[in-house]
C-alpha atoms as a PDB file:
ATOM      1  CA  UNK A   1     101.327  80.128 109.181  1.00  0.00           C
ATOM      2  CA  UNK A   2     104.043  82.022 107.485  1.00  0.00           C
ATOM      3  CA  UNK A   3     104.896  83.504 104.222  1.00  0.00           C
ATOM      4  CA  UNK A   4     108.201  83.584 102.591  1.00  0.00           C
ATOM      5  CA  UNK A   5     109.910  86.529 101.558  1.00  0.00           C
ATOM      6  CA  UNK A   6     113.502  85.961 100.063  1.00  0.00           C
ATOM      7  CA  UNK A   7     114.460  82.905 102.288  1.00  0.00           C
ATOM      8  CA  UNK A   8     113.299  84.566 105.603  1.00  0.00           C
ATOM      9  CA  UNK A   9     109.796  83.362 107.436  1.00  0.00           C
ATOM     10  CA  UNK A  10     107.003  86.184 107.784  1.00  0.00           C
ATOM     11  CA  UNK A  11     104.230  84.771 110.254  1.00  0.00           C
ATOM     12  CA  UNK A  12     100.876  85.889 109.411  1.00  0.00           C
ATOM     13  CA  UNK A  13      98.849  87.074 111.671  1.00  0.00           C
ATOM     14  CA  UNK A  14      95.046  87.199 112.779  1.00  0.00           C
ATOM     15  CA  UNK A  15      92.703  90.388 112.843  1.00  0.00           C
ATOM     16  CA  UNK A  16      93.910  91.371 116.470  1.00  0.00           C
ATOM     17  CA  UNK A  17      97.340  91.060 116.212  1.00  0.00           C
ATOM     18  CA  UNK A  18      97.279  92.827 112.949  1.00  0.00           C
ATOM     19  CA  UNK A  19      95.340  95.764 114.302  1.00  0.00           C
ATOM     20  CA  UNK A  20      98.082  95.677 117.172  1.00  0.00           C
ATOM     21  CA  UNK A  21     100.679  95.973 114.137  1.00  0.00           C
ATOM     22  CA  UNK A  22      99.419  98.920 112.024  1.00  0.00           C
ATOM     23  CA  UNK A  23      98.847 100.658 114.826  1.00  0.00           C
ATOM     24  CA  UNK A  24     102.407  99.896 116.509  1.00  0.00           C
ATOM     25  CA  UNK A  25     103.678 100.959 112.398  1.00  0.00           C
ATOM     26  CA  UNK A  26     102.208 104.279 112.473  1.00  0.00           C
ATOM     27  CA  UNK A  27     103.119 104.949 115.934  1.00  0.00           C
ATOM     28  CA  UNK A  28     107.033 104.611 114.247  1.00  0.00           C
ATOM     29  CA  UNK A  29     105.897 106.603 111.329  1.00  0.00           C
ATOM     30  CA  UNK A  30     104.675 109.480 113.258  1.00  0.00           C
ATOM     31  CA  UNK A  31     107.672 109.700 115.268  1.00  0.00           C
ATOM     32  CA  UNK A  32     109.956 109.718 111.982  1.00  0.00           C
ATOM     33  CA  UNK A  33     107.681 112.130 110.376  1.00  0.00           C
ATOM     34  CA  UNK A  34     108.435 115.048 113.038  1.00  0.00           C
ATOM     35  CA  UNK A  35     111.791 114.841 111.973  1.00  0.00           C
ATOM     36  CA  UNK A  36     110.973 115.097 108.528  1.00  0.00           C
ATOM     37  CA  UNK A  37     111.252 111.345 107.502  1.00  0.00           C
ATOM     38  CA  UNK A  38     109.102 108.489 106.129  1.00  0.00           C
ATOM     39  CA  UNK A  39     109.696 104.930 105.590  1.00  0.00           C
ATOM     40  CA  UNK A  40     107.783 102.445 103.909  1.00  0.00           C
ATOM     41  CA  UNK A  41     106.332  99.838 105.635  1.00  0.00           C
ATOM     42  CA  UNK A  42     107.801  96.667 103.952  1.00  0.00           C
ATOM     43  CA  UNK A  43     110.637  97.362 103.892  1.00  0.00           C
ATOM     44  CA  UNK A  44     110.488  98.909 100.294  1.00  0.00           C
ATOM     45  CA  UNK A  45     112.758 101.672 100.289  1.00  0.00           C
ATOM     46  CA  UNK A  46     114.288 101.519  96.835  1.00  0.00           C
ATOM     47  CA  UNK A  47     110.260 101.546  95.340  1.00  0.00           C
ATOM     48  CA  UNK A  48     109.433 104.522  97.851  1.00  0.00           C
ATOM     49  CA  UNK A  49     112.299 106.430  96.492  1.00  0.00           C
ATOM     50  CA  UNK A  50     111.275 105.671  92.991  1.00  0.00           C
ATOM     51  CA  UNK A  51     107.361 106.170  93.476  1.00  0.00           C
ATOM     52  CA  UNK A  52     107.866 109.246  96.019  1.00  0.00           C
ATOM     53  CA  UNK A  53     105.756 110.776  98.893  1.00  0.00           C
ATOM     54  CA  UNK A  54     102.100 109.983  99.202  1.00  0.00           C
ATOM     55  CA  UNK A  55      99.468 111.519 101.640  1.00  0.00           C
ATOM     56  CA  UNK A  56     100.629 108.690 104.040  1.00  0.00           C
ATOM     57  CA  UNK A  57     104.349 110.267 104.250  1.00  0.00           C
ATOM     58  CA  UNK A  58     102.902 113.598 105.161  1.00  0.00           C
ATOM     59  CA  UNK A  59     100.319 112.140 107.604  1.00  0.00           C
ATOM     60  CA  UNK A  60     101.520 109.017 108.680  1.00  0.00           C
ATOM     61  CA  UNK A  61     105.510 108.672 107.892  1.00  0.00           C
ATOM     62  CA  UNK A  62     104.265 105.813 105.620  1.00  0.00           C
ATOM     63  CA  UNK A  63     103.367 106.217 102.071  1.00  0.00           C
ATOM     64  CA  UNK A  64     100.175 104.187 102.218  1.00  0.00           C
ATOM     65  CA  UNK A  65     101.545 102.338  99.211  1.00  0.00           C
ATOM     66  CA  UNK A  66     103.459 100.458 101.461  1.00  0.00           C
ATOM     67  CA  UNK A  67     100.621  99.554 103.670  1.00  0.00           C
ATOM     68  CA  UNK A  68      98.319  97.780 101.934  1.00  0.00           C
ATOM     69  CA  UNK A  69     100.397  95.368 101.094  1.00  0.00           C
ATOM     70  CA  UNK A  70     102.561  94.757 103.668  1.00  0.00           C
ATOM     71  CA  UNK A  71      98.859  94.508 106.210  1.00  0.00           C
ATOM     72  CA  UNK A  72      98.232  91.823 103.156  1.00  0.00           C
ATOM     73  CA  UNK A  73     100.473  89.956 102.978  1.00  0.00           C
ATOM     74  CA  UNK A  74     100.576  89.670 106.973  1.00  0.00           C
ATOM     75  CA  UNK A  75      96.939  88.672 106.886  1.00  0.00           C
ATOM     76  CA  UNK A  76      94.982  85.354 107.775  1.00  0.00           C
ATOM     77  CA  UNK A  77      91.445  86.400 108.147  1.00  0.00           C
ATOM     78  CA  UNK A  78      90.722  89.440 105.600  1.00  0.00           C
ATOM     79  CA  UNK A  79      90.949  92.113 108.020  1.00  0.00           C
ATOM     80  CA  UNK A  80      93.692  93.931 105.827  1.00  0.00           C
ATOM     81  CA  UNK A  81      90.698  95.822 104.334  1.00  0.00           C
ATOM     82  CA  UNK A  82      89.167  97.543 107.304  1.00  0.00           C
ATOM     83  CA  UNK A  83      92.581  98.370 108.412  1.00  0.00           C
ATOM     84  CA  UNK A  84      93.523  99.928 104.644  1.00  0.00           C
ATOM     85  CA  UNK A  85      90.395 101.993 105.817  1.00  0.00           C
ATOM     86  CA  UNK A  86      90.829 103.085 108.904  1.00  0.00           C
ATOM     87  CA  UNK A  87      94.577 104.299 107.985  1.00  0.00           C
ATOM     88  CA  UNK A  88      92.798 106.013 105.199  1.00  0.00           C
ATOM     89  CA  UNK A  89      90.405 107.504 107.873  1.00  0.00           C
ATOM     90  CA  UNK A  90      93.054 108.761 110.080  1.00  0.00           C
ATOM     91  CA  UNK A  91      95.278 110.350 106.939  1.00  0.00           C
ATOM     92  CA  UNK A  92      92.846 112.582 105.705  1.00  0.00           C
ATOM     93  CA  UNK A  93      91.965 113.465 109.134  1.00  0.00           C
ATOM     94  CA  UNK A  94      95.454 114.120 110.138  1.00  0.00           C
ATOM     95  CA  UNK A  95      95.711 115.748 106.997  1.00  0.00           C
ATOM     96  CA  UNK A  96      92.792 118.645 107.988  1.00  0.00           C
ATOM     97  CA  UNK A  97      94.366 118.980 110.693  1.00  0.00           C
ATOM     98  CA  UNK A  98      97.674 120.470 109.437  1.00  0.00           C
ATOM     99  CA  UNK A  99      95.785 122.188 106.708  1.00  0.00           C
ATOM    100  CA  UNK A 100      94.994 124.594 110.021  1.00  0.00           C
ATOM    101  CA  UNK A 101      98.149 126.667 110.672  1.00  0.00           C
ATOM    102  CA  UNK A 102      96.999 127.197 114.350  1.00  0.00           C
ATOM    103  CA  UNK A 103      96.547 123.412 115.020  1.00  0.00           C
ATOM    104  CA  UNK A 104     100.256 122.331 113.572  1.00  0.00           C
ATOM    105  CA  UNK A 105     101.941 118.885 113.679  1.00  0.00           C
ATOM    106  CA  UNK A 106     101.293 116.823 116.921  1.00  0.00           C
ATOM    107  CA  UNK A 107     102.070 113.718 116.726  1.00  0.00           C
ATOM    108  CA  UNK A 108     100.279 112.827 119.640  1.00  0.00           C
ATOM    109  CA  UNK A 109      96.854 114.089 118.705  1.00  0.00           C
ATOM    110  CA  UNK A 110      97.660 112.254 115.343  1.00  0.00           C
ATOM    111  CA  UNK A 111      98.368 109.148 117.055  1.00  0.00           C
ATOM    112  CA  UNK A 112      95.082 109.444 118.479  1.00  0.00           C
ATOM    113  CA  UNK A 113      93.538 109.903 115.255  1.00  0.00           C
ATOM    114  CA  UNK A 114      95.412 106.497 114.197  1.00  0.00           C
ATOM    115  CA  UNK A 115      94.057 104.742 117.199  1.00  0.00           C
ATOM    116  CA  UNK A 116      90.460 106.185 116.810  1.00  0.00           C
ATOM    117  CA  UNK A 117      90.378 105.244 113.186  1.00  0.00           C
ATOM    118  CA  UNK A 118      91.269 101.173 113.971  1.00  0.00           C
ATOM    119  CA  UNK A 119      89.781 100.759 117.210  1.00  0.00           C
ATOM    120  CA  UNK A 120      86.405 102.165 115.271  1.00  0.00           C
ATOM    121  CA  UNK A 121      86.815  99.282 113.113  1.00  0.00           C
ATOM    122  CA  UNK A 122      88.685  96.377 114.880  1.00  0.00           C
ATOM    123  CA  UNK A 123      90.381  95.961 118.485  1.00  0.00           C
ATOM    124  CA  UNK A 124      94.542  95.586 118.665  1.00  0.00           C
ATOM    125  CA  UNK A 125      95.531  92.776 120.202  1.00  0.00           C
ATOM    126  CA  UNK A 126      97.253  94.400 123.897  1.00  0.00           C
ATOM    127  CA  UNK A 127     101.244  95.100 123.994  1.00  0.00           C
ATOM    128  CA  UNK A 128     103.273  91.626 125.530  1.00  0.00           C
ATOM    129  CA  UNK A 129     106.733  91.185 125.977  1.00  0.00           C
ATOM    130  CA  UNK A 130     106.757  87.929 123.831  1.00  0.00           C
ATOM    131  CA  UNK A 131     104.404  90.392 121.384  1.00  0.00           C
ATOM    132  CA  UNK A 132     107.156  93.146 120.488  1.00  0.00           C
ATOM    133  CA  UNK A 133     108.077  93.769 117.107  1.00  0.00           C
ATOM    134  CA  UNK A 134     106.628  93.527 113.647  1.00  0.00           C
END
C-alpha cells in the first residue's frame, strides 16, 4: 500500500519498519545538530522556516512538528503515536542532559536516549541492504 505525494508514491510501513525509519531519521538529525543545523523530517523546509525551531531542533535536529505528520503518513498499523511519544520522551531527556553544562552535546549519548525510548515501545526492524533509505 502506498500514499501519493505530489505524484510520487510514498510507501507505507508497518510498526517495526516505521520504528527503524524513526531511529534513522533521528540519527541523521543528531549528526546535523552537531554542526548547528536541523532539517524537517517530511521535506517541509519552507514550513520549517515559517514556524521556526522547537525543542526537537535543539535536541534531535528535527522539529517535532514535522516528525508526527511524516510518521503518521508512513504508518499502516497505528504505531506513529507510540513513536511520537517515544521521540518526545527522548527529546525531554536530551534537553535535561544539555541543561547540565558539564555534560554538553554528545550525539552518541543522545542517540542512545532515542534508541532506548523507541525500543521501550517497539522493536525496530533490522537494517538490511534492501531496507536502506527512508
